[in-house]
């Protein structure tokens, strides 16, 4: 009986260990998978550019200033050349226009006089027809006749002027590129807002405190005590 009980206990213990091992197997497998999974590298922040020192900014400003001076000199030369060329073309235009006006002045005056005569005649005819009109239709017809006569006179004048040929046209102004922009000088960090240089304590030019000047609790200066021997009221 003892042997049977021992065998039974051994089998029960083996079965219990087997069941416990089966229950813990998935957990162990997941832990192994997690430990064996490739670790993603930690994202490293890109280093931010360090701000330039005042001396570096000043050196960069001086380089840009030299480039600006060269660009400004070229721009001024280009502008002057373009303006000189435009002035020459404008002088040529004035001479050509004066010659064209002198040549066609008599024809233009005759064309203008004929135009004025036609307009004046159309207005007189309109007043006469409008005064004699007894109905609305007659008055409308008088107005329409005035408009037609005015249009005919204007068209005749335009055709006559075009027959003289196109007058000289003025030259177009040159288009110049925008003026170069001057670089801005960097601010000196040692200057205060009012433009005066700030003096740090201990630097040359900083007023040193006088040890003899004492202050009381109210912030008022206390007169130092007289030195022995400087009292004029004591007798020798």
Protein backbone atom coordinates (compact mmCIF):
# COMPACT_ATOMS: atom_id res chain seq x y z
CA UNK A 1 0.00 0.00 0.00
CA UNK A 2 2.79 2.40 0.76
CA UNK A 3 4.32 1.72 -2.64
CA UNK A 4 1.02 2.40 -4.38
CA UNK A 5 0.59 5.63 -2.47
CA UNK A 6 4.10 6.73 -3.37
CA UNK A 7 3.53 6.00 -7.05
CA UNK A 8 0.21 7.87 -6.94
CA UNK A 9 1.82 10.92 -5.34
CA UNK A 10 4.66 10.87 -7.88
CA UNK A 11 2.23 10.73 -10.79
CA UNK A 12 0.16 13.59 -9.34
CA UNK A 13 3.27 15.74 -8.92
CA UNK A 14 4.40 15.00 -12.50
CA UNK A 15 0.96 15.84 -13.88
CA UNK A 16 0.85 19.11 -11.92
CA UNK A 17 4.28 20.17 -13.20
CA UNK A 18 3.27 19.30 -16.76
CA UNK A 19 0.13 21.44 -16.57
CA UNK A 20 1.99 24.38 -15.02
CA UNK A 21 4.66 24.20 -17.75
CA UNK A 22 2.01 24.18 -20.52
CA UNK A 23 0.32 27.25 -19.01
CA UNK A 24 3.55 29.23 -18.72
CA UNK A 25 4.91 28.32 -22.20
CA UNK A 26 3.05 31.07 -24.21
CA UNK A 27 4.07 33.75 -21.70
CA UNK A 28 7.71 32.71 -21.89
CA UNK A 29 7.54 32.59 -25.70
CA UNK A 30 6.11 36.10 -25.86
CA UNK A 31 8.78 37.35 -23.51
CA UNK A 32 11.47 35.77 -25.72
CA UNK A 33 9.96 37.31 -28.84
CA UNK A 34 9.88 40.70 -27.18
CA UNK A 35 13.48 40.40 -26.04
CA UNK A 36 14.62 39.19 -29.49
CA UNK A 37 12.68 41.88 -31.42
CA UNK A 38 14.94 44.42 -33.11
CA UNK A 39 15.17 47.58 -31.10
CA UNK A 40 14.34 50.75 -33.02
CA UNK A 41 17.07 53.31 -32.60
CA UNK A 42 16.15 56.30 -30.52
CA UNK A 43 15.58 59.33 -32.76
CA UNK A 44 18.36 61.77 -32.28
CA UNK A 45 17.46 65.41 -32.50
CA UNK A 46 19.26 67.25 -35.24
CA UNK A 47 21.70 69.69 -33.78
CA UNK A 48 20.37 73.21 -34.05
CA UNK A 49 22.76 75.69 -35.64
CA UNK A 50 24.56 77.64 -33.00
CA UNK A 51 23.93 81.38 -33.17
CA UNK A 52 26.71 83.42 -34.70
CA UNK A 53 28.77 85.63 -32.48
CA UNK A 54 28.75 89.39 -32.93
CA UNK A 55 32.20 89.29 -34.53
CA UNK A 56 31.04 86.68 -37.07
CA UNK A 57 27.96 88.76 -37.85
CA UNK A 58 30.14 91.84 -38.25
CA UNK A 59 32.52 90.04 -40.61
CA UNK A 60 29.58 88.80 -42.69
CA UNK A 61 28.14 92.33 -42.75
CA UNK A 62 31.42 93.78 -44.01
CA UNK A 63 31.54 91.25 -46.86
CA UNK A 64 27.94 92.04 -47.82
CA UNK A 65 28.67 95.77 -47.58
CA UNK A 66 31.52 95.47 -50.07
CA UNK A 67 29.28 93.47 -52.42
CA UNK A 68 26.59 96.13 -52.02
CA UNK A 69 29.00 98.93 -52.92
CA UNK A 70 30.06 97.12 -56.09
CA UNK A 71 26.43 96.40 -57.04
CA UNK A 72 25.44 100.01 -56.35
CA UNK A 73 28.26 101.32 -58.52
CA UNK A 74 27.16 99.08 -61.39
CA UNK A 75 23.54 100.10 -60.89
CA UNK A 76 24.39 103.79 -60.98
CA UNK A 77 26.43 103.33 -64.16
CA UNK A 78 23.58 101.39 -65.81
CA UNK A 79 21.01 103.96 -64.75
CA UNK A 80 23.10 106.86 -66.01
CA UNK A 81 23.70 105.11 -69.34
CA UNK A 82 19.99 104.39 -69.77
CA UNK A 83 18.97 107.94 -68.85
CA UNK A 84 21.55 109.41 -71.24
CA UNK A 85 20.28 107.20 -74.05
CA UNK A 86 16.67 108.16 -73.28
CA UNK A 87 17.57 111.85 -73.27
CA UNK A 88 19.18 111.52 -76.69
CA UNK A 89 16.13 109.72 -78.08
CA UNK A 90 13.83 112.37 -76.59
CA UNK A 91 15.82 115.15 -78.26
CA UNK A 92 15.52 113.31 -81.58
CA UNK A 93 11.78 112.94 -81.06
CA UNK A 94 11.32 116.66 -80.40
CA UNK A 95 13.20 117.56 -83.57
CA UNK A 96 11.20 115.06 -85.65
CA UNK A 97 7.88 116.19 -84.14
CA UNK A 98 8.65 119.85 -84.79
CA UNK A 99 9.51 119.00 -88.40
CA UNK A 100 6.31 116.98 -88.82
CA UNK A 101 4.17 119.77 -87.31
CA UNK A 102 5.84 122.39 -89.53
CA UNK A 103 5.25 120.28 -92.62
CA UNK A 104 1.59 119.50 -91.88
CA UNK A 105 0.55 122.60 -89.95
CA UNK A 106 -1.33 124.15 -92.90
CA UNK A 107 -3.13 120.86 -93.69
CA UNK A 108 -4.09 120.37 -90.04
CA UNK A 109 -5.48 123.90 -89.79
CA UNK A 110 -7.54 123.36 -92.93
CA UNK A 111 -8.87 120.04 -91.64
CA UNK A 112 -9.79 121.59 -88.28
CA UNK A 113 -11.51 124.54 -89.95
CA UNK A 114 -13.59 122.22 -92.13
CA UNK A 115 -14.53 120.20 -89.08
CA UNK A 116 -15.66 123.29 -87.18
CA UNK A 117 -17.73 124.45 -90.16
CA UNK A 118 -19.48 121.08 -90.39
CA UNK A 119 -20.23 121.06 -86.66
CA UNK A 120 -21.54 124.63 -86.66
CA UNK A 121 -23.74 123.89 -89.71
CA UNK A 122 -25.13 120.76 -88.01
CA UNK A 123 -26.01 122.76 -84.88
CA UNK A 124 -27.74 125.52 -86.87
CA UNK A 125 -29.73 122.92 -88.83
CA UNK A 126 -30.72 121.24 -85.58
CA UNK A 127 -31.96 124.47 -83.98
CA UNK A 128 -33.97 125.33 -87.06
CA UNK A 129 -35.51 121.86 -87.37
CA UNK A 130 -36.20 121.62 -83.65
CA UNK A 131 -37.90 125.04 -83.56
CA UNK A 132 -40.10 124.12 -86.52
CA UNK A 133 -40.97 120.67 -85.16
CA UNK A 134 -44.63 120.33 -84.14
CA UNK A 135 -44.51 116.74 -82.91
CA UNK A 136 -42.34 114.51 -80.82
CA UNK A 137 -41.33 112.48 -83.87
CA UNK A 138 -40.05 115.63 -85.60
CA UNK A 139 -37.99 116.64 -82.56
CA UNK A 140 -36.49 113.16 -82.32
CA UNK A 141 -35.65 113.28 -86.00
CA UNK A 142 -33.89 116.65 -85.50
CA UNK A 143 -31.77 115.21 -82.68
CA UNK A 144 -30.92 112.14 -84.77
CA UNK A 145 -29.89 114.39 -87.67
CA UNK A 146 -27.58 116.35 -85.34
CA UNK A 147 -25.94 113.17 -84.11
CA UNK A 148 -25.46 111.81 -87.62
CA UNK A 149 -23.95 115.11 -88.84
CA UNK A 150 -21.57 115.24 -85.85
CA UNK A 151 -20.45 111.66 -86.42
CA UNK A 152 -19.87 112.31 -90.14
CA UNK A 153 -17.79 115.42 -89.43
CA UNK A 154 -15.68 113.60 -86.80
CA UNK A 155 -15.07 110.65 -89.12
CA UNK A 156 -14.08 112.93 -92.01
CA UNK A 157 -11.60 114.77 -89.79
CA UNK A 158 -10.05 111.51 -88.55
CA UNK A 159 -9.64 110.17 -92.09
CA UNK A 160 -8.01 113.41 -93.25
CA UNK A 161 -5.55 113.40 -90.35
CA UNK A 162 -4.61 109.76 -90.94
CA UNK A 163 -3.90 110.62 -94.57
CA UNK A 164 -1.08 112.89 -93.37
CA UNK A 165 0.79 109.93 -91.91
CA UNK A 166 1.57 108.95 -88.34
CA UNK A 167 3.39 111.63 -86.33
CA UNK A 168 6.58 110.67 -84.51
CA UNK A 169 5.94 108.94 -81.19
CA UNK A 170 7.93 109.71 -78.03
CA UNK A 171 10.39 107.06 -76.81
CA UNK A 172 9.45 104.90 -73.86
CA UNK A 173 11.25 105.49 -70.61
CA UNK A 174 13.87 102.85 -69.83
CA UNK A 175 13.06 100.21 -67.25
CA UNK A 176 15.82 100.04 -64.69
CA UNK A 177 16.25 97.25 -62.18
CA UNK A 178 15.48 98.12 -58.55
CA UNK A 179 18.21 99.78 -56.54
CA UNK A 180 20.35 97.35 -54.53
CA UNK A 181 19.40 97.10 -50.87
CA UNK A 182 22.05 98.07 -48.36
CA UNK A 183 22.72 95.39 -45.72
CA UNK A 184 21.82 96.13 -42.11
CA UNK A 185 24.67 96.43 -39.65
CA UNK A 186 24.32 93.97 -36.76
CA UNK A 187 23.60 95.42 -33.36
CA UNK A 188 26.46 95.51 -30.91
CA UNK A 189 25.27 93.65 -27.80
CA UNK A 190 27.46 95.90 -25.65
CA UNK A 191 25.42 98.96 -26.63
CA UNK A 192 22.34 99.91 -24.69
CA UNK A 193 19.05 101.06 -26.20
CA UNK A 194 20.10 104.73 -26.23
CA UNK A 195 23.24 103.93 -28.22
CA UNK A 196 25.69 104.32 -25.33
CA UNK A 197 28.14 101.58 -24.52
CA UNK A 198 27.32 99.68 -21.40
CA UNK A 199 30.23 99.41 -18.94
CA UNK A 200 30.29 96.27 -16.88
CA UNK A 201 31.41 96.47 -13.26
CA UNK A 202 35.16 96.30 -12.99
CA UNK A 203 35.74 97.58 -16.54
CA UNK A 204 37.76 100.77 -17.19
CA UNK A 205 35.58 103.84 -16.92
CA UNK A 206 33.25 102.36 -14.30
CA UNK A 207 33.02 104.69 -11.27
CA UNK A 208 34.32 102.99 -8.15
CA UNK A 209 32.35 103.33 -4.91
CA UNK A 210 33.87 105.58 -2.25
CA UNK A 211 34.29 103.65 1.00
CA UNK A 212 33.85 106.89 2.98
CA UNK A 213 30.36 107.37 1.58
CA UNK A 214 28.03 105.57 3.90
CA UNK A 215 24.30 105.36 3.69
CA UNK A 216 21.79 105.13 6.43
CA UNK A 217 18.62 103.12 6.38
CA UNK A 218 16.71 105.84 4.47
CA UNK A 219 19.27 105.90 1.65
CA UNK A 220 20.68 109.30 2.65
CA UNK A 221 24.41 109.90 2.80
CA UNK A 222 25.92 110.32 6.23
CA UNK A 223 28.57 112.96 6.63
CA UNK A 224 31.85 111.28 7.57
CA UNK A 225 33.26 112.05 10.99
CA UNK A 226 36.06 114.66 11.03
CA UNK A 227 39.56 113.41 11.34
CA UNK A 228 41.51 114.16 14.50
CA UNK A 229 43.68 117.24 14.15
CA UNK A 230 41.43 118.91 11.55
CA UNK A 231 39.08 120.41 14.18
CA UNK A 232 39.66 124.12 14.11
CA UNK A 233 37.73 124.62 17.37
CA UNK A 234 40.29 122.77 19.53
CA UNK A 235 43.14 124.70 21.02
CA UNK A 236 46.70 123.59 20.70
